[in-house]
C-alpha atoms as a PDB file:
ATOM      1  CA  MET A   1      21.241  23.002  43.911  1.00  0.00           C
ATOM      2  CA  LEU A   2      24.789  21.871  43.156  1.00  0.00           C
ATOM      3  CA  ILE A   3      25.259  18.103  43.242  1.00  0.00           C
ATOM      4  CA  GLU A   4      28.705  17.229  44.516  1.00  0.00           C
ATOM      5  CA  ASP A   5      29.857  14.215  42.558  1.00  0.00           C
ATOM      6  CA  THR A   6      32.892  13.274  40.544  1.00  0.00           C
ATOM      7  CA  PHE A   7      30.644  11.369  38.118  1.00  0.00           C
ATOM      8  CA  ARG A   8      30.232  14.371  35.837  1.00  0.00           C
ATOM      9  CA  GLU A   9      31.482  13.643  32.311  1.00  0.00           C
ATOM     10  CA  THR A  10      30.537  14.277  28.703  1.00  0.00           C
ATOM     11  CA  ARG A  11      29.432  10.721  27.866  1.00  0.00           C
ATOM     12  CA  VAL A  12      25.734  10.530  26.920  1.00  0.00           C
ATOM     13  CA  ASP A  13      23.568   7.739  28.313  1.00  0.00           C
ATOM     14  CA  PRO A  14      20.432   7.324  26.130  1.00  0.00           C
ATOM     15  CA  ALA A  15      18.623   5.470  28.926  1.00  0.00           C
ATOM     16  CA  GLU A  16      18.986   8.450  31.248  1.00  0.00           C
ATOM     17  CA  LEU A  17      17.792  10.881  28.595  1.00  0.00           C
ATOM     18  CA  GLU A  18      14.818   8.706  27.669  1.00  0.00           C
ATOM     19  CA  ALA A  19      13.784   8.442  31.308  1.00  0.00           C
ATOM     20  CA  PHE A  20      14.113  12.207  31.640  1.00  0.00           C
ATOM     21  CA  VAL A  21      12.033  12.973  28.528  1.00  0.00           C
ATOM     22  CA  VAL A  22       9.253  10.565  29.537  1.00  0.00           C
ATOM     23  CA  LEU A  23       9.260  11.882  33.111  1.00  0.00           C
ATOM     24  CA  ALA A  24       8.949  15.414  31.741  1.00  0.00           C
ATOM     25  CA  GLU A  25       5.837  14.293  29.852  1.00  0.00           C
ATOM     26  CA  GLU A  26       4.273  12.294  32.682  1.00  0.00           C
ATOM     27  CA  LEU A  27       5.497  14.264  35.731  1.00  0.00           C
ATOM     28  CA  HIS A  28       4.980  11.069  37.673  1.00  0.00           C
ATOM     29  CA  PHE A  29       7.589   8.426  38.442  1.00  0.00           C
ATOM     30  CA  GLY A  30       5.069   5.578  38.526  1.00  0.00           C
ATOM     31  CA  ARG A  31       3.568   6.338  35.115  1.00  0.00           C
ATOM     32  CA  THR A  32       7.056   6.892  33.689  1.00  0.00           C
ATOM     33  CA  ALA A  33       8.120   3.463  34.944  1.00  0.00           C
ATOM     34  CA  ILE A  34       5.074   1.850  33.321  1.00  0.00           C
ATOM     35  CA  ARG A  35       5.743   3.520  29.954  1.00  0.00           C
ATOM     36  CA  LEU A  36       9.375   2.496  29.979  1.00  0.00           C
ATOM     37  CA  GLY A  37       8.748  -1.015  31.283  1.00  0.00           C
ATOM     38  CA  LEU A  38      11.068  -0.384  34.230  1.00  0.00           C
ATOM     39  CA  SER A  39      10.728  -0.392  37.986  1.00  0.00           C
ATOM     40  CA  GLN A  40      10.100   2.914  39.703  1.00  0.00           C
ATOM     41  CA  PRO A  41      13.406   2.715  41.642  1.00  0.00           C
ATOM     42  CA  ARG A  42      15.232   2.194  38.336  1.00  0.00           C
ATOM     43  CA  VAL A  43      13.643   5.362  36.898  1.00  0.00           C
ATOM     44  CA  SER A  44      14.682   7.315  39.969  1.00  0.00           C
ATOM     45  CA  GLN A  45      18.193   5.917  39.622  1.00  0.00           C
ATOM     46  CA  LEU A  46      18.426   7.034  35.987  1.00  0.00           C
ATOM     47  CA  ILE A  47      17.237  10.558  36.805  1.00  0.00           C
ATOM     48  CA  ARG A  48      19.710  10.874  39.694  1.00  0.00           C
ATOM     49  CA  SER A  49      22.489   9.613  37.439  1.00  0.00           C
ATOM     50  CA  LEU A  50      21.646  12.225  34.808  1.00  0.00           C
ATOM     51  CA  GLU A  51      21.582  14.957  37.425  1.00  0.00           C
ATOM     52  CA  ARG A  52      25.004  13.883  38.695  1.00  0.00           C
ATOM     53  CA  ARG A  53      26.268  13.978  35.120  1.00  0.00           C
ATOM     54  CA  VAL A  54      24.948  17.546  34.711  1.00  0.00           C
ATOM     55  CA  GLY A  55      26.043  18.644  38.203  1.00  0.00           C
ATOM     56  CA  ARG A  56      22.708  20.119  39.291  1.00  0.00           C
ATOM     57  CA  ARG A  57      19.159  19.050  39.903  1.00  0.00           C
ATOM     58  CA  LEU A  58      16.811  18.977  36.934  1.00  0.00           C
ATOM     59  CA  VAL A  59      13.633  17.761  38.641  1.00  0.00           C
ATOM     60  CA  GLU A  60      11.993  19.065  41.801  1.00  0.00           C
ATOM     61  CA  ARG A  61      10.315  16.275  43.755  1.00  0.00           C
ATOM     62  CA  THR A  62       7.926  16.483  46.648  1.00  0.00           C
ATOM     63  CA  SER A  63       5.553  13.920  48.094  1.00  0.00           C
ATOM     64  CA  ARG A  64       2.738  15.484  46.063  1.00  0.00           C
ATOM     65  CA  ARG A  65       4.238  16.643  42.788  1.00  0.00           C
ATOM     66  CA  VAL A  66       7.056  16.340  40.278  1.00  0.00           C
ATOM     67  CA  ALA A  67       8.133  19.329  38.187  1.00  0.00           C
ATOM     68  CA  LEU A  68      11.039  20.381  36.044  1.00  0.00           C
ATOM     69  CA  ASN A  69      13.053  23.313  37.283  1.00  0.00           C
ATOM     70  CA  PRO A  70      14.353  25.935  34.800  1.00  0.00           C
ATOM     71  CA  LEU A  71      17.520  23.936  34.157  1.00  0.00           C
ATOM     72  CA  GLY A  72      15.409  20.859  33.466  1.00  0.00           C
ATOM     73  CA  GLU A  73      13.236  22.847  31.065  1.00  0.00           C
ATOM     74  CA  HIS A  74      16.383  24.064  29.317  1.00  0.00           C
ATOM     75  CA  LEU A  75      17.664  20.514  28.876  1.00  0.00           C
ATOM     76  CA  LEU A  76      14.256  19.225  27.743  1.00  0.00           C
ATOM     77  CA  ALA A  77      13.961  21.891  25.034  1.00  0.00           C
ATOM     78  CA  ARG A  78      17.219  20.681  23.516  1.00  0.00           C
ATOM     79  CA  VAL A  79      16.971  16.967  24.153  1.00  0.00           C
ATOM     80  CA  ARG A  80      13.395  16.290  23.071  1.00  0.00           C
ATOM     81  CA  PRO A  81      13.853  17.159  19.347  1.00  0.00           C
ATOM     82  CA  ALA A  82      17.120  15.237  19.194  1.00  0.00           C
ATOM     83  CA  PHE A  83      15.547  12.253  20.912  1.00  0.00           C
ATOM     84  CA  ALA A  84      12.598  12.340  18.497  1.00  0.00           C
ATOM     85  CA  ASP A  85      15.065  12.430  15.588  1.00  0.00           C
ATOM     86  CA  LEU A  86      16.875   9.443  17.058  1.00  0.00           C
ATOM     87  CA  HIS A  87      13.667   7.439  17.352  1.00  0.00           C
ATOM     88  CA  ARG A  88      12.696   8.437  13.829  1.00  0.00           C
ATOM     89  CA  ALA A  89      16.100   7.442  12.468  1.00  0.00           C
ATOM     90  CA  LEU A  90      15.900   4.046  14.154  1.00  0.00           C
ATOM     91  CA  ALA A  91      12.334   3.496  12.901  1.00  0.00           C
ATOM     92  CA  GLU A  92      13.265   4.472   9.342  1.00  0.00           C
ATOM     93  CA  THR A  93      16.330   2.252   9.411  1.00  0.00           C
ATOM     94  CA  ARG A  94      14.258  -0.653  10.705  1.00  0.00           C
ATOM     95  CA  THR A  95      11.751  -0.065   7.920  1.00  0.00           C
ATOM     96  CA  ALA A  96      14.457   0.162   5.270  1.00  0.00           C
ATOM     97  CA  ALA A  97      16.035  -3.047   6.541  1.00  0.00           C
ATOM     98  CA  ARG A  98      12.630  -4.716   6.192  1.00  0.00           C
ATOM     99  CA  GLY A  99      12.617  -3.689   2.547  1.00  0.00           C
ATOM    100  CA  LEU A 100       9.865  -2.385   0.311  1.00  0.00           C
ATOM    101  CA  ARG A 101       6.770  -4.596   0.115  1.00  0.00           C
ATOM    102  CA  VAL A 102       4.695  -4.092  -3.014  1.00  0.00           C
ATOM    103  CA  GLY A 103       1.201  -5.476  -3.539  1.00  0.00           C
ATOM    104  CA  PHE A 104      -0.303  -6.023  -6.973  1.00  0.00           C
ATOM    105  CA  LEU A 105      -3.491  -7.244  -8.605  1.00  0.00           C
ATOM    106  CA  GLY A 106      -2.511 -10.265 -10.689  1.00  0.00           C
ATOM    107  CA  PRO A 107      -2.832  -9.029 -14.291  1.00  0.00           C
ATOM    108  CA  TYR A 108      -1.378  -5.571 -13.628  1.00  0.00           C
ATOM    109  CA  GLY A 109       1.939  -6.372 -11.994  1.00  0.00           C
ATOM    110  CA  SER A 110       3.938  -5.494 -15.115  1.00  0.00           C
ATOM    111  CA  THR A 111       2.975  -1.823 -14.781  1.00  0.00           C
ATOM    112  CA  LEU A 112       5.614  -1.645 -12.048  1.00  0.00           C
ATOM    113  CA  ASP A 113       8.400  -3.578 -13.817  1.00  0.00           C
ATOM    114  CA  THR A 114      10.368  -0.480 -14.826  1.00  0.00           C
ATOM    115  CA  ALA A 115       9.923   1.223 -11.457  1.00  0.00           C
ATOM    116  CA  LEU A 116      10.996  -1.935  -9.631  1.00  0.00           C
ATOM    117  CA  ALA A 117      14.109  -2.275 -11.777  1.00  0.00           C
ATOM    118  CA  GLY A 118      15.019   1.357 -11.196  1.00  0.00           C
ATOM    119  CA  PHE A 119      14.421   1.090  -7.466  1.00  0.00           C
ATOM    120  CA  ARG A 120      16.562  -2.036  -7.145  1.00  0.00           C
ATOM    121  CA  GLU A 121      19.349  -0.335  -9.048  1.00  0.00           C
ATOM    122  CA  ARG A 122      19.244   2.687  -6.750  1.00  0.00           C
ATOM    123  CA  HIS A 123      18.876   0.706  -3.532  1.00  0.00           C
ATOM    124  CA  PRO A 124      20.493  -2.716  -3.803  1.00  0.00           C
ATOM    125  CA  GLU A 125      20.552  -2.858  -0.008  1.00  0.00           C
ATOM    126  CA  CYS A 126      16.738  -2.627   0.188  1.00  0.00           C
ATOM    127  CA  PRO A 127      15.031  -5.931  -0.674  1.00  0.00           C
ATOM    128  CA  VAL A 128      11.752  -5.756  -2.597  1.00  0.00           C
ATOM    129  CA  THR A 129       8.968  -8.247  -1.896  1.00  0.00           C
ATOM    130  CA  LEU A 130       5.980  -8.682  -4.240  1.00  0.00           C
ATOM    131  CA  THR A 131       2.624  -9.903  -2.930  1.00  0.00           C
ATOM    132  CA  GLN A 132      -0.464 -10.635  -5.017  1.00  0.00           C
ATOM    133  CA  ILE A 133      -3.565  -8.922  -3.620  1.00  0.00           C
ATOM    134  CA  PRO A 134      -6.826 -10.909  -3.802  1.00  0.00           C
ATOM    135  CA  TRP A 135      -9.960  -9.325  -5.238  1.00  0.00           C
ATOM    136  CA  THR A 136     -11.782 -10.077  -2.010  1.00  0.00           C
ATOM    137  CA  ASP A 137      -9.359  -8.161   0.233  1.00  0.00           C
ATOM    138  CA  ILE A 138      -8.138  -5.269  -1.893  1.00  0.00           C
ATOM    139  CA  TYR A 139      -7.154  -2.925   0.936  1.00  0.00           C
ATOM    140  CA  GLY A 140      -6.651  -5.419   3.761  1.00  0.00           C
ATOM    141  CA  PRO A 141      -2.922  -6.123   3.278  1.00  0.00           C
ATOM    142  CA  LEU A 142      -2.210  -2.392   3.020  1.00  0.00           C
ATOM    143  CA  ARG A 143      -4.130  -1.533   6.168  1.00  0.00           C
ATOM    144  CA  ARG A 144      -2.674  -4.453   8.113  1.00  0.00           C
ATOM    145  CA  GLY A 145       0.833  -3.300   7.239  1.00  0.00           C
ATOM    146  CA  GLU A 146       1.594  -6.386   5.138  1.00  0.00           C
ATOM    147  CA  VAL A 147       2.499  -4.246   2.113  1.00  0.00           C
ATOM    148  CA  ASP A 148       3.775  -0.668   1.908  1.00  0.00           C
ATOM    149  CA  VAL A 149       2.355   0.285  -1.480  1.00  0.00           C
ATOM    150  CA  GLN A 150       0.091  -1.456  -3.970  1.00  0.00           C
ATOM    151  CA  ILE A 151      -1.693  -1.425  -7.303  1.00  0.00           C
ATOM    152  CA  CYS A 152      -5.435  -0.759  -7.360  1.00  0.00           C
ATOM    153  CA  VAL A 153      -8.052  -0.213 -10.045  1.00  0.00           C
ATOM    154  CA  ALA A 154      -9.606   3.270 -10.076  1.00  0.00           C
ATOM    155  CA  PRO A 155     -11.486   4.769  -8.459  1.00  0.00           C
ATOM    156  CA  VAL A 156     -10.088   4.473  -4.929  1.00  0.00           C
ATOM    157  CA  GLU A 157     -12.476   6.152  -2.506  1.00  0.00           C
ATOM    158  CA  GLN A 158     -10.778   5.461   0.821  1.00  0.00           C
ATOM    159  CA  PRO A 159     -10.093   8.459   3.113  1.00  0.00           C
ATOM    160  CA  ASP A 160      -7.100   6.813   4.795  1.00  0.00           C
ATOM    161  CA  LEU A 161      -5.306   6.067   1.523  1.00  0.00           C
ATOM    162  CA  THR A 162      -3.231   8.285  -0.743  1.00  0.00           C
ATOM    163  CA  VAL A 163      -3.768   7.827  -4.472  1.00  0.00           C
ATOM    164  CA  GLY A 164      -0.539   8.119  -6.416  1.00  0.00           C
ATOM    165  CA  PRO A 165       0.238   8.054 -10.127  1.00  0.00           C
ATOM    166  CA  GLU A 166      -1.848   6.345 -12.773  1.00  0.00           C
ATOM    167  CA  LEU A 167       0.179   3.391 -14.029  1.00  0.00           C
ATOM    168  CA  GLY A 168      -1.732   2.386 -17.129  1.00  0.00           C
ATOM    169  CA  THR A 169      -5.057   2.169 -18.944  1.00  0.00           C
ATOM    170  CA  PHE A 170      -6.403  -1.183 -20.122  1.00  0.00           C
ATOM    171  CA  PRO A 171      -9.237  -1.563 -22.689  1.00  0.00           C
ATOM    172  CA  ARG A 172     -11.902  -4.130 -21.953  1.00  0.00           C
ATOM    173  CA  LEU A 173     -12.116  -7.734 -23.150  1.00  0.00           C
ATOM    174  CA  LEU A 174     -14.761 -10.361 -22.601  1.00  0.00           C
ATOM    175  CA  ALA A 175     -13.564 -13.768 -21.411  1.00  0.00           C
ATOM    176  CA  ILE A 176     -15.879 -16.273 -23.103  1.00  0.00           C
ATOM    177  CA  ALA A 177     -15.769 -20.027 -23.652  1.00  0.00           C
ATOM    178  CA  ARG A 178     -14.215 -21.016 -26.966  1.00  0.00           C
ATOM    179  CA  SER A 179     -17.175 -23.350 -27.483  1.00  0.00           C
ATOM    180  CA  HIS A 180     -19.580 -20.393 -27.460  1.00  0.00           C
ATOM    181  CA  PRO A 181     -20.500 -19.245 -31.011  1.00  0.00           C
ATOM    182  CA  TRP A 182     -19.859 -15.607 -30.086  1.00  0.00           C
ATOM    183  CA  SER A 183     -16.200 -16.348 -29.281  1.00  0.00           C
ATOM    184  CA  ALA A 184     -15.468 -16.030 -33.026  1.00  0.00           C
ATOM    185  CA  ARG A 185     -16.768 -12.464 -33.245  1.00  0.00           C
ATOM    186  CA  GLU A 186     -14.415  -9.567 -33.875  1.00  0.00           C
ATOM    187  CA  SER A 187     -15.923  -7.742 -30.891  1.00  0.00           C
ATOM    188  CA  LEU A 188     -18.842  -7.774 -28.492  1.00  0.00           C
ATOM    189  CA  ASP A 189     -20.754  -4.874 -26.967  1.00  0.00           C
ATOM    190  CA  ILE A 190     -22.120  -4.275 -23.496  1.00  0.00           C
ATOM    191  CA  GLU A 191     -25.629  -4.687 -24.982  1.00  0.00           C
ATOM    192  CA  ASP A 192     -24.701  -8.302 -25.817  1.00  0.00           C
ATOM    193  CA  LEU A 193     -24.245  -9.040 -22.114  1.00  0.00           C
ATOM    194  CA  ALA A 194     -28.029  -9.089 -21.723  1.00  0.00           C
ATOM    195  CA  GLU A 195     -27.912 -12.425 -23.601  1.00  0.00           C
ATOM    196  CA  LEU A 196     -25.160 -13.902 -21.413  1.00  0.00           C
ATOM    197  CA  ARG A 197     -24.457 -14.620 -17.755  1.00  0.00           C
ATOM    198  CA  VAL A 198     -21.658 -12.515 -16.258  1.00  0.00           C
ATOM    199  CA  VAL A 199     -19.548 -13.707 -13.331  1.00  0.00           C
ATOM    200  CA  ALA A 200     -20.660 -11.532 -10.423  1.00  0.00           C
ATOM    201  CA  PRO A 201     -18.363  -9.701  -7.989  1.00  0.00           C
ATOM    202  CA  HIS A 202     -17.752 -11.530  -4.725  1.00  0.00           C
ATOM    203  CA  PRO A 203     -19.562  -9.977  -1.701  1.00  0.00           C
ATOM    204  CA  ASP A 204     -16.167  -9.128  -0.185  1.00  0.00           C
ATOM    205  CA  VAL A 205     -15.080  -7.053  -3.201  1.00  0.00           C
ATOM    206  CA  SER A 206     -14.958  -3.347  -2.310  1.00  0.00           C
ATOM    207  CA  ALA A 207     -17.947  -1.301  -3.460  1.00  0.00           C
ATOM    208  CA  GLU A 208     -15.979   1.018  -5.745  1.00  0.00           C
ATOM    209  CA  PHE A 209     -14.089  -1.888  -7.339  1.00  0.00           C
ATOM    210  CA  ALA A 210     -17.334  -3.748  -8.053  1.00  0.00           C
ATOM    211  CA  ARG A 211     -18.992  -0.609  -9.383  1.00  0.00           C
ATOM    212  CA  SER A 212     -16.155   0.397 -11.689  1.00  0.00           C
ATOM    213  CA  PHE A 213     -14.834  -2.927 -12.934  1.00  0.00           C
ATOM    214  CA  TRP A 214     -17.910  -5.150 -13.286  1.00  0.00           C
ATOM    215  CA  PRO A 215     -20.706  -4.412 -15.787  1.00  0.00           C
ATOM    216  CA  PRO A 216     -23.709  -2.524 -14.394  1.00  0.00           C
ATOM    217  CA  ALA A 217     -27.002  -4.226 -13.559  1.00  0.00           C
ATOM    218  CA  THR A 218     -28.477  -3.187 -16.911  1.00  0.00           C
ATOM    219  CA  THR A 219     -27.244  -2.322 -20.376  1.00  0.00           C
ATOM    220  CA  PRO A 220     -27.406   1.303 -21.617  1.00  0.00           C
ATOM    221  CA  SER A 221     -30.751   0.474 -23.230  1.00  0.00           C
ATOM    222  CA  GLY A 222     -32.108  -0.792 -19.912  1.00  0.00           C
ATOM    223  CA  ARG A 223     -31.926  -4.563 -20.474  1.00  0.00           C
ATOM    224  CA  PRO A 224     -30.971  -6.563 -17.361  1.00  0.00           C
ATOM    225  CA  ILE A 225     -27.522  -8.198 -17.385  1.00  0.00           C
ATOM    226  CA  PRO A 226     -27.836 -11.664 -15.801  1.00  0.00           C
ATOM    227  CA  ARG A 227     -25.199 -12.590 -13.229  1.00  0.00           C
ATOM    228  CA  SER A 228     -23.813 -15.948 -12.201  1.00  0.00           C
ATOM    229  CA  ALA A 229     -22.072 -17.047  -9.000  1.00  0.00           C
ATOM    230  CA  PRO A 230     -19.030 -14.942  -8.043  1.00  0.00           C
ATOM    231  CA  ALA A 231     -15.386 -15.958  -8.321  1.00  0.00           C
ATOM    232  CA  ARG A 232     -12.580 -15.086  -5.896  1.00  0.00           C
ATOM    233  CA  THR A 233      -9.496 -15.403  -8.104  1.00  0.00           C
ATOM    234  CA  GLU A 234      -8.451 -15.183 -11.744  1.00  0.00           C
ATOM    235  CA  PRO A 235      -8.006 -18.980 -12.177  1.00  0.00           C
ATOM    236  CA  GLU A 236     -11.371 -19.607 -10.504  1.00  0.00           C
ATOM    237  CA  MET A 237     -13.011 -17.143 -12.875  1.00  0.00           C
ATOM    238  CA  LEU A 238     -11.397 -18.701 -15.971  1.00  0.00           C
ATOM    239  CA  SER A 239     -12.476 -22.162 -14.901  1.00  0.00           C
ATOM    240  CA  ALA A 240     -16.055 -20.943 -14.478  1.00  0.00           C
ATOM    241  CA  VAL A 241     -15.994 -19.317 -17.935  1.00  0.00           C
ATOM    242  CA  ALA A 242     -14.568 -22.462 -19.545  1.00  0.00           C
ATOM    243  CA  HIS A 243     -17.035 -24.914 -18.021  1.00  0.00           C
ATOM    244  CA  ASN A 244     -20.134 -23.104 -16.713  1.00  0.00           C
ATOM    245  CA  ASP A 245     -21.423 -21.172 -19.744  1.00  0.00           C
ATOM    246  CA  VAL A 246     -20.647 -17.790 -18.149  1.00  0.00           C
ATOM    247  CA  VAL A 247     -18.543 -14.800 -19.226  1.00  0.00           C
ATOM    248  CA  PHE A 248     -16.359 -12.266 -17.449  1.00  0.00           C
ATOM    249  CA  ALA A 249     -15.687  -8.641 -18.358  1.00  0.00           C
ATOM    250  CA  THR A 250     -11.923  -8.254 -17.965  1.00  0.00           C
ATOM    251  CA  THR A 251      -9.170  -6.208 -19.641  1.00  0.00           C
ATOM    252  CA  THR A 252      -6.318  -6.576 -22.103  1.00  0.00           C
ATOM    253  CA  ALA A 253      -3.994  -7.350 -19.175  1.00  0.00           C
ATOM    254  CA  MET A 254      -5.723 -10.622 -18.308  1.00  0.00           C
ATOM    255  CA  PRO A 255      -4.635 -12.890 -21.208  1.00  0.00           C
ATOM    256  CA  THR A 256      -1.057 -11.687 -20.818  1.00  0.00           C
ATOM    257  CA  TYR A 257      -0.827 -13.442 -17.442  1.00  0.00           C
ATOM    258  CA  PHE A 258      -3.889 -15.672 -16.998  1.00  0.00           C
ATOM    259  CA  THR A 259      -5.235 -17.953 -19.714  1.00  0.00           C
ATOM    260  CA  HIS A 260      -7.191 -21.185 -20.079  1.00  0.00           C
ATOM    261  CA  PRO A 261      -7.137 -23.450 -23.147  1.00  0.00           C
ATOM    262  CA  GLU A 262     -10.921 -23.297 -23.401  1.00  0.00           C
ATOM    263  CA  VAL A 263     -11.299 -19.519 -22.953  1.00  0.00           C
ATOM    264  CA  ALA A 264     -11.146 -16.841 -25.662  1.00  0.00           C
ATOM    265  CA  PHE A 265     -10.788 -13.092 -25.127  1.00  0.00           C
ATOM    266  CA  VAL A 266     -12.882 -10.848 -27.374  1.00  0.00           C
ATOM    267  CA  PRO A 267     -12.740  -7.011 -27.398  1.00  0.00           C
ATOM    268  CA  LEU A 268     -15.672  -5.568 -25.431  1.00  0.00           C
ATOM    269  CA  THR A 269     -17.102  -2.159 -26.341  1.00  0.00           C
ATOM    270  CA  GLY A 270     -19.388   0.050 -24.287  1.00  0.00           C
ATOM    271  CA  MET A 271     -17.403  -0.160 -21.030  1.00  0.00           C
ATOM    272  CA  PRO A 272     -14.689   2.305 -19.995  1.00  0.00           C
ATOM    273  CA  ALA A 273     -11.093   1.128 -19.907  1.00  0.00           C
ATOM    274  CA  ALA A 274      -9.700   0.135 -16.515  1.00  0.00           C
ATOM    275  CA  ARG A 275      -7.335   2.680 -14.977  1.00  0.00           C
ATOM    276  CA  VAL A 276      -4.645   1.276 -12.709  1.00  0.00           C
ATOM    277  CA  LEU A 277      -3.291   3.362  -9.820  1.00  0.00           C
ATOM    278  CA  LEU A 278      -0.555   3.200  -7.200  1.00  0.00           C
ATOM    279  CA  VAL A 279      -1.909   3.548  -3.650  1.00  0.00           C
ATOM    280  CA  TRP A 280      -0.473   3.651  -0.127  1.00  0.00           C
ATOM    281  CA  ARG A 281      -1.592   4.449   3.403  1.00  0.00           C
ATOM    282  CA  THR A 282      -1.503   8.171   4.094  1.00  0.00           C
ATOM    283  CA  SER A 283      -0.013   7.379   7.523  1.00  0.00           C
ATOM    284  CA  ASN A 284       2.661   5.185   5.951  1.00  0.00           C
ATOM    285  CA  ASP A 285       6.111   5.752   7.450  1.00  0.00           C
ATOM    286  CA  HIS A 286       8.267   3.948   4.899  1.00  0.00           C
ATOM    287  CA  PRO A 287      11.046   6.345   3.824  1.00  0.00           C
ATOM    288  CA  ARG A 288      11.147   4.986   0.245  1.00  0.00           C
ATOM    289  CA  VAL A 289       7.457   5.013  -0.742  1.00  0.00           C
ATOM    290  CA  ALA A 290       7.483   8.540  -2.172  1.00  0.00           C
ATOM    291  CA  GLU A 291      10.613   7.798  -4.182  1.00  0.00           C
ATOM    292  CA  PHE A 292       9.133   4.573  -5.535  1.00  0.00           C
ATOM    293  CA  ALA A 293       5.931   6.396  -6.494  1.00  0.00           C
ATOM    294  CA  GLY A 294       8.026   8.928  -8.390  1.00  0.00           C
ATOM    295  CA  LEU A 295       9.777   6.163 -10.325  1.00  0.00           C
ATOM    296  CA  ALA A 296       6.418   4.583 -11.138  1.00  0.00           C
ATOM    297  CA  ALA A 297       5.073   7.927 -12.373  1.00  0.00           C
ATOM    298  CA  GLU A 298       8.093   8.450 -14.622  1.00  0.00           C
ATOM    299  CA  ALA A 299       7.726   4.957 -16.070  1.00  0.00           C
ATOM    300  CA  ALA A 300       4.015   5.511 -16.734  1.00  0.00           C
ATOM    301  CA  VAL A 301       4.738   8.743 -18.615  1.00  0.00           C
ATOM    302  CA  ALA A 302       7.381   6.973 -20.695  1.00  0.00           C
ATOM    303  CA  ARG A 303       4.966   4.143 -21.531  1.00  0.00           C
ATOM    304  CA  ALA A 304       2.284   6.610 -22.534  1.00  0.00           C
ATOM    305  CA  GLY A 305       4.743   8.385 -24.835  1.00  0.00           C
ATOM    306  CA  THR A 306       5.730   5.095 -26.432  1.00  0.00           C
ATOM    307  CA  ALA A 307       2.080   4.197 -26.960  1.00  0.00           C
ATOM    308  CA  THR A 308       1.430   7.566 -28.604  1.00  0.00           C
ATOM    309  CA  GLN A 309       4.197   6.830 -31.096  1.00  0.00           C
ATOM    310  CA  GLY A 310       2.748   3.391 -31.758  1.00  0.00           C
ATOM    311  CA  ILE A 311       5.817   1.572 -30.491  1.00  0.00           C
ATOM    312  CA  GLY A 312       5.891  -1.549 -28.325  1.00  0.00           C
ATOM    313  CA  GLY A 313       3.358  -4.086 -27.185  1.00  0.00           C
ATOM    314  CA  ASP A 314       2.592  -3.025 -23.630  1.00  0.00           C
ATOM    315  CA  PRO A 315      -0.967  -4.177 -22.826  1.00  0.00           C
ATOM    316  CA  SER A 316      -1.573  -0.878 -21.060  1.00  0.00           C
ATOM    317  CA  ALA A 317      -0.874   1.088 -24.222  1.00  0.00           C
ATOM    318  CA  GLY A 318      -4.481   1.094 -25.378  1.00  0.00           C
ATOM    319  CA  GLY A 319      -4.680  -1.476 -28.135  1.00  0.00           C
ATOM    320  CA  ALA A 320      -7.393  -4.100 -27.691  1.00  0.00           C
ATOM    321  CA  VAL A 321      -6.427  -6.880 -30.073  1.00  0.00           C
ATOM    322  CA  ARG A 322      -8.670  -9.924 -30.160  1.00  0.00           C
ATOM    323  CA  GLN A 323      -6.896 -12.849 -28.503  1.00  0.00           C
ATOM    324  CA  GLN A 324      -7.643 -16.530 -28.072  1.00  0.00           C
ATOM    325  CA  ALA A 325      -6.021 -18.777 -25.520  1.00  0.00           C
END
């Protein structure tokens, strides 16, 4: 049916097109109004306005049903992809304006220094925010949308998360009170833990993190490894080691960023090195996450090559030198 109206013009009104696309999905003016947060008369007005702009009806209405006519189907086939692209462009721009939010576990933040510098150089318009992730809520900030990408310790066994590049490998150290006679040893072994009390993982620590990072319940020879009360943060752990006659199995990254005047760090044998990974939500919609992961992967490869040549002092390079705070 031809609609006689001088209103026809080439100007595009996004509100009319949005109302049309939603109506095509709902085929009901009331439900369309609810989805759009508009009144039903306003939806009808927008559809009539669009039809006047086109010059013909697009929607057939009766008291019992709403349906698109062939012309309406033709318009929908062309408008819907463009409208989806528009929404996607706005969402991506909003996300980019928000910046890239990076979460890190305290001692391992430096594994991203090169990637962060490269990203800032490429995208000076995109602010980068760093957030420390607590042991007791490793995946919470990621799942709540508080960070876009973060550092984790392998393994990561979470079906909703994508595991990216490995950022570094850190040999193990034992944090032990300087007053303890064993703090002067050149190294300690996992068998020695049967004679000590190890700070336990907090109940809120993820199962795979506790299993991979903390010592097992027994030594390889079967001797029980005593455990003390858990700690929630690095400073809390160091304070417990300094004053409570307990130890903590950490890595070479720890004394680079967290120390205590009464705590020594002694190389610990018998436990695998900690592998640090970059992780993000599989459903993440940030347009820069993949690019940032690529920069992090390149930096990790470069660090590994430097370590192979024996150059530099990166704590992830594999050397476990005995250190005292």
